[in-house]
Amino acid sequence: MTNEQIIADIAATIYGEDTVMTMLATGEDIPLHTLKGWAARGPFRIKKGEHGLETKLWKKRKDKVASSDENENTEEATNRDFYMAKAFLFRADQVERIVE
């Protein structure tokens, strides 16, 4: 499962499966992201007192030791470059745009 699929499954429980499927079909952005995901979409911050939904998402390893052996299958080496890490997802109503 990719991070997008994991997030879509969680979003389906919040917004409804039909709504999420429509968003994906039309290329619309699902309004459920990590703090880093919201920051990539503009100057956002989490509202005071809000708590994210805890989940696990794929994260790239910082060290390249896992895929350094050239004799290994490329797909297997690439799979070891990632691991599941705890992440918190926030809905659009839990963030606010930073006004400068």
C-alpha atoms as a PDB file:
ATOM      1  CA  MET A   1       0.000   0.000   0.000  1.00  0.00           C
ATOM      2  CA  THR A   2       1.228   3.488  -0.796  1.00  0.00           C
ATOM      3  CA  ASN A   3       0.870   6.511   1.493  1.00  0.00           C
ATOM      4  CA  GLU A   4      -1.824   7.866  -0.837  1.00  0.00           C
ATOM      5  CA  GLN A   5      -3.830   4.642  -0.484  1.00  0.00           C
ATOM      6  CA  ILE A   6      -3.439   4.642   3.297  1.00  0.00           C
ATOM      7  CA  ILE A   7      -4.618   8.261   3.497  1.00  0.00           C
ATOM      8  CA  ALA A   8      -7.521   7.574   1.104  1.00  0.00           C
ATOM      9  CA  ASP A   9      -8.686   4.653   3.288  1.00  0.00           C
ATOM     10  CA  ILE A  10      -8.616   6.852   6.401  1.00  0.00           C
ATOM     11  CA  ALA A  11     -10.350   9.701   4.547  1.00  0.00           C
ATOM     12  CA  ALA A  12     -13.112   7.299   3.463  1.00  0.00           C
ATOM     13  CA  THR A  13     -13.991   6.717   7.125  1.00  0.00           C
ATOM     14  CA  ILE A  14     -14.177  10.489   7.706  1.00  0.00           C
ATOM     15  CA  TYR A  15     -15.732  11.873   4.518  1.00  0.00           C
ATOM     16  CA  GLY A  16     -17.400   8.745   3.139  1.00  0.00           C
ATOM     17  CA  GLU A  17     -16.157   6.338   0.507  1.00  0.00           C
ATOM     18  CA  ASP A  18     -18.217   7.870  -2.331  1.00  0.00           C
ATOM     19  CA  THR A  19     -16.892  11.369  -1.620  1.00  0.00           C
ATOM     20  CA  VAL A  20     -13.276  10.186  -1.537  1.00  0.00           C
ATOM     21  CA  MET A  21     -13.696   8.154  -4.731  1.00  0.00           C
ATOM     22  CA  THR A  22     -15.139  11.239  -6.456  1.00  0.00           C
ATOM     23  CA  MET A  23     -12.204  13.360  -5.224  1.00  0.00           C
ATOM     24  CA  LEU A  24      -9.714  10.835  -6.564  1.00  0.00           C
ATOM     25  CA  ALA A  25     -11.530  10.467  -9.892  1.00  0.00           C
ATOM     26  CA  THR A  26     -11.595  14.234 -10.489  1.00  0.00           C
ATOM     27  CA  GLY A  27      -8.006  14.758  -9.308  1.00  0.00           C
ATOM     28  CA  GLU A  28      -9.169  16.772  -6.329  1.00  0.00           C
ATOM     29  CA  ASP A  29      -6.892  16.890  -3.288  1.00  0.00           C
ATOM     30  CA  ILE A  30      -8.149  14.935  -0.269  1.00  0.00           C
ATOM     31  CA  PRO A  31      -8.110  17.453   2.642  1.00  0.00           C
ATOM     32  CA  LEU A  32      -6.219  15.150   5.000  1.00  0.00           C
ATOM     33  CA  HIS A  33      -2.457  15.621   5.361  1.00  0.00           C
ATOM     34  CA  THR A  34       0.455  15.508   7.751  1.00  0.00           C
ATOM     35  CA  LEU A  35       1.859  18.802   9.009  1.00  0.00           C
ATOM     36  CA  LYS A  36       4.553  18.551   6.352  1.00  0.00           C
ATOM     37  CA  GLY A  37       1.866  17.914   3.725  1.00  0.00           C
ATOM     38  CA  TRP A  38      -0.075  21.019   4.752  1.00  0.00           C
ATOM     39  CA  ALA A  39       3.130  23.078   4.784  1.00  0.00           C
ATOM     40  CA  ALA A  40       3.797  22.016   1.187  1.00  0.00           C
ATOM     41  CA  ARG A  41       0.399  23.463   0.221  1.00  0.00           C
ATOM     42  CA  GLY A  42       1.034  26.861   1.743  1.00  0.00           C
ATOM     43  CA  PRO A  43       1.815  28.536   5.015  1.00  0.00           C
ATOM     44  CA  PHE A  44      -0.438  26.477   7.326  1.00  0.00           C
ATOM     45  CA  ARG A  45      -0.230  25.649  11.006  1.00  0.00           C
ATOM     46  CA  ILE A  46      -2.210  23.365  13.262  1.00  0.00           C
ATOM     47  CA  LYS A  47      -4.861  25.158  15.309  1.00  0.00           C
ATOM     48  CA  LYS A  48      -4.212  25.287  19.030  1.00  0.00           C
ATOM     49  CA  GLY A  49      -5.614  22.273  20.862  1.00  0.00           C
ATOM     50  CA  GLU A  50      -6.085  20.113  17.749  1.00  0.00           C
ATOM     51  CA  HIS A  51      -4.861  16.516  17.698  1.00  0.00           C
ATOM     52  CA  GLY A  52      -4.145  14.540  14.556  1.00  0.00           C
ATOM     53  CA  LEU A  53      -5.253  11.066  13.631  1.00  0.00           C
ATOM     54  CA  GLU A  54      -2.418   8.669  14.402  1.00  0.00           C
ATOM     55  CA  THR A  55      -1.428   6.283  11.641  1.00  0.00           C
ATOM     56  CA  LYS A  56       1.655   4.746  10.063  1.00  0.00           C
ATOM     57  CA  LEU A  57       2.995   5.977   6.725  1.00  0.00           C
ATOM     58  CA  TRP A  58       5.991   5.024   4.624  1.00  0.00           C
ATOM     59  CA  LYS A  59       9.101   7.107   5.258  1.00  0.00           C
ATOM     60  CA  LYS A  60      12.380   7.050   3.352  1.00  0.00           C
ATOM     61  CA  ARG A  61      15.465   5.988   5.279  1.00  0.00           C
ATOM     62  CA  LYS A  62      18.130   8.654   5.639  1.00  0.00           C
ATOM     63  CA  ASP A  63      20.998   6.194   5.319  1.00  0.00           C
ATOM     64  CA  LYS A  64      21.617   4.519   1.982  1.00  0.00           C
ATOM     65  CA  VAL A  65      23.215   1.384   3.491  1.00  0.00           C
ATOM     66  CA  ALA A  66      20.131  -0.729   2.783  1.00  0.00           C
ATOM     67  CA  SER A  67      20.452  -0.484  -1.014  1.00  0.00           C
ATOM     68  CA  SER A  68      24.226  -0.309  -1.370  1.00  0.00           C
ATOM     69  CA  ASP A  69      24.740  -3.912  -2.530  1.00  0.00           C
ATOM     70  CA  GLU A  70      24.783  -3.866  -6.347  1.00  0.00           C
ATOM     71  CA  ASN A  71      24.236  -7.633  -6.611  1.00  0.00           C
ATOM     72  CA  GLU A  72      20.748  -7.407  -5.077  1.00  0.00           C
ATOM     73  CA  ASN A  73      17.470  -7.156  -6.940  1.00  0.00           C
ATOM     74  CA  THR A  74      16.700  -3.450  -7.451  1.00  0.00           C
ATOM     75  CA  GLU A  75      13.077  -3.813  -6.276  1.00  0.00           C
ATOM     76  CA  GLU A  76      14.121  -5.561  -3.047  1.00  0.00           C
ATOM     77  CA  ALA A  77      16.776  -2.945  -2.357  1.00  0.00           C
ATOM     78  CA  THR A  78      14.284  -0.129  -3.001  1.00  0.00           C
ATOM     79  CA  ASN A  79      11.765  -1.707  -0.613  1.00  0.00           C
ATOM     80  CA  ARG A  80      14.346  -1.615   2.190  1.00  0.00           C
ATOM     81  CA  ASP A  81      14.899   2.110   1.599  1.00  0.00           C
ATOM     82  CA  PHE A  82      11.530   2.763   3.281  1.00  0.00           C
ATOM     83  CA  TYR A  83       9.982   1.908   6.636  1.00  0.00           C
ATOM     84  CA  MET A  84       6.654   2.449   8.389  1.00  0.00           C
ATOM     85  CA  ALA A  85       6.751   5.408  10.781  1.00  0.00           C
ATOM     86  CA  LYS A  86       4.183   6.956  13.085  1.00  0.00           C
ATOM     87  CA  ALA A  87       2.468   9.959  11.492  1.00  0.00           C
ATOM     88  CA  PHE A  88      -0.402  12.268  12.371  1.00  0.00           C
ATOM     89  CA  LEU A  89      -2.987  13.390   9.815  1.00  0.00           C
ATOM     90  CA  PHE A  90      -4.948  16.630  10.117  1.00  0.00           C
ATOM     91  CA  ARG A  91      -8.219  17.610   8.440  1.00  0.00           C
ATOM     92  CA  ALA A  92      -8.695  20.986   6.736  1.00  0.00           C
ATOM     93  CA  ASP A  93     -10.766  22.268   9.673  1.00  0.00           C
ATOM     94  CA  GLN A  94      -7.841  21.552  12.029  1.00  0.00           C
ATOM     95  CA  VAL A  95      -5.380  23.847  10.254  1.00  0.00           C
ATOM     96  CA  GLU A  96      -5.294  27.563   9.594  1.00  0.00           C
ATOM     97  CA  ARG A  97      -3.443  29.628   7.048  1.00  0.00           C
ATOM     98  CA  ILE A  98      -0.650  31.740   8.513  1.00  0.00           C
ATOM     99  CA  VAL A  99      -1.227  35.421   7.763  1.00  0.00           C
ATOM    100  CA  GLU A 100       1.983  37.369   7.415  1.00  0.00           C
END
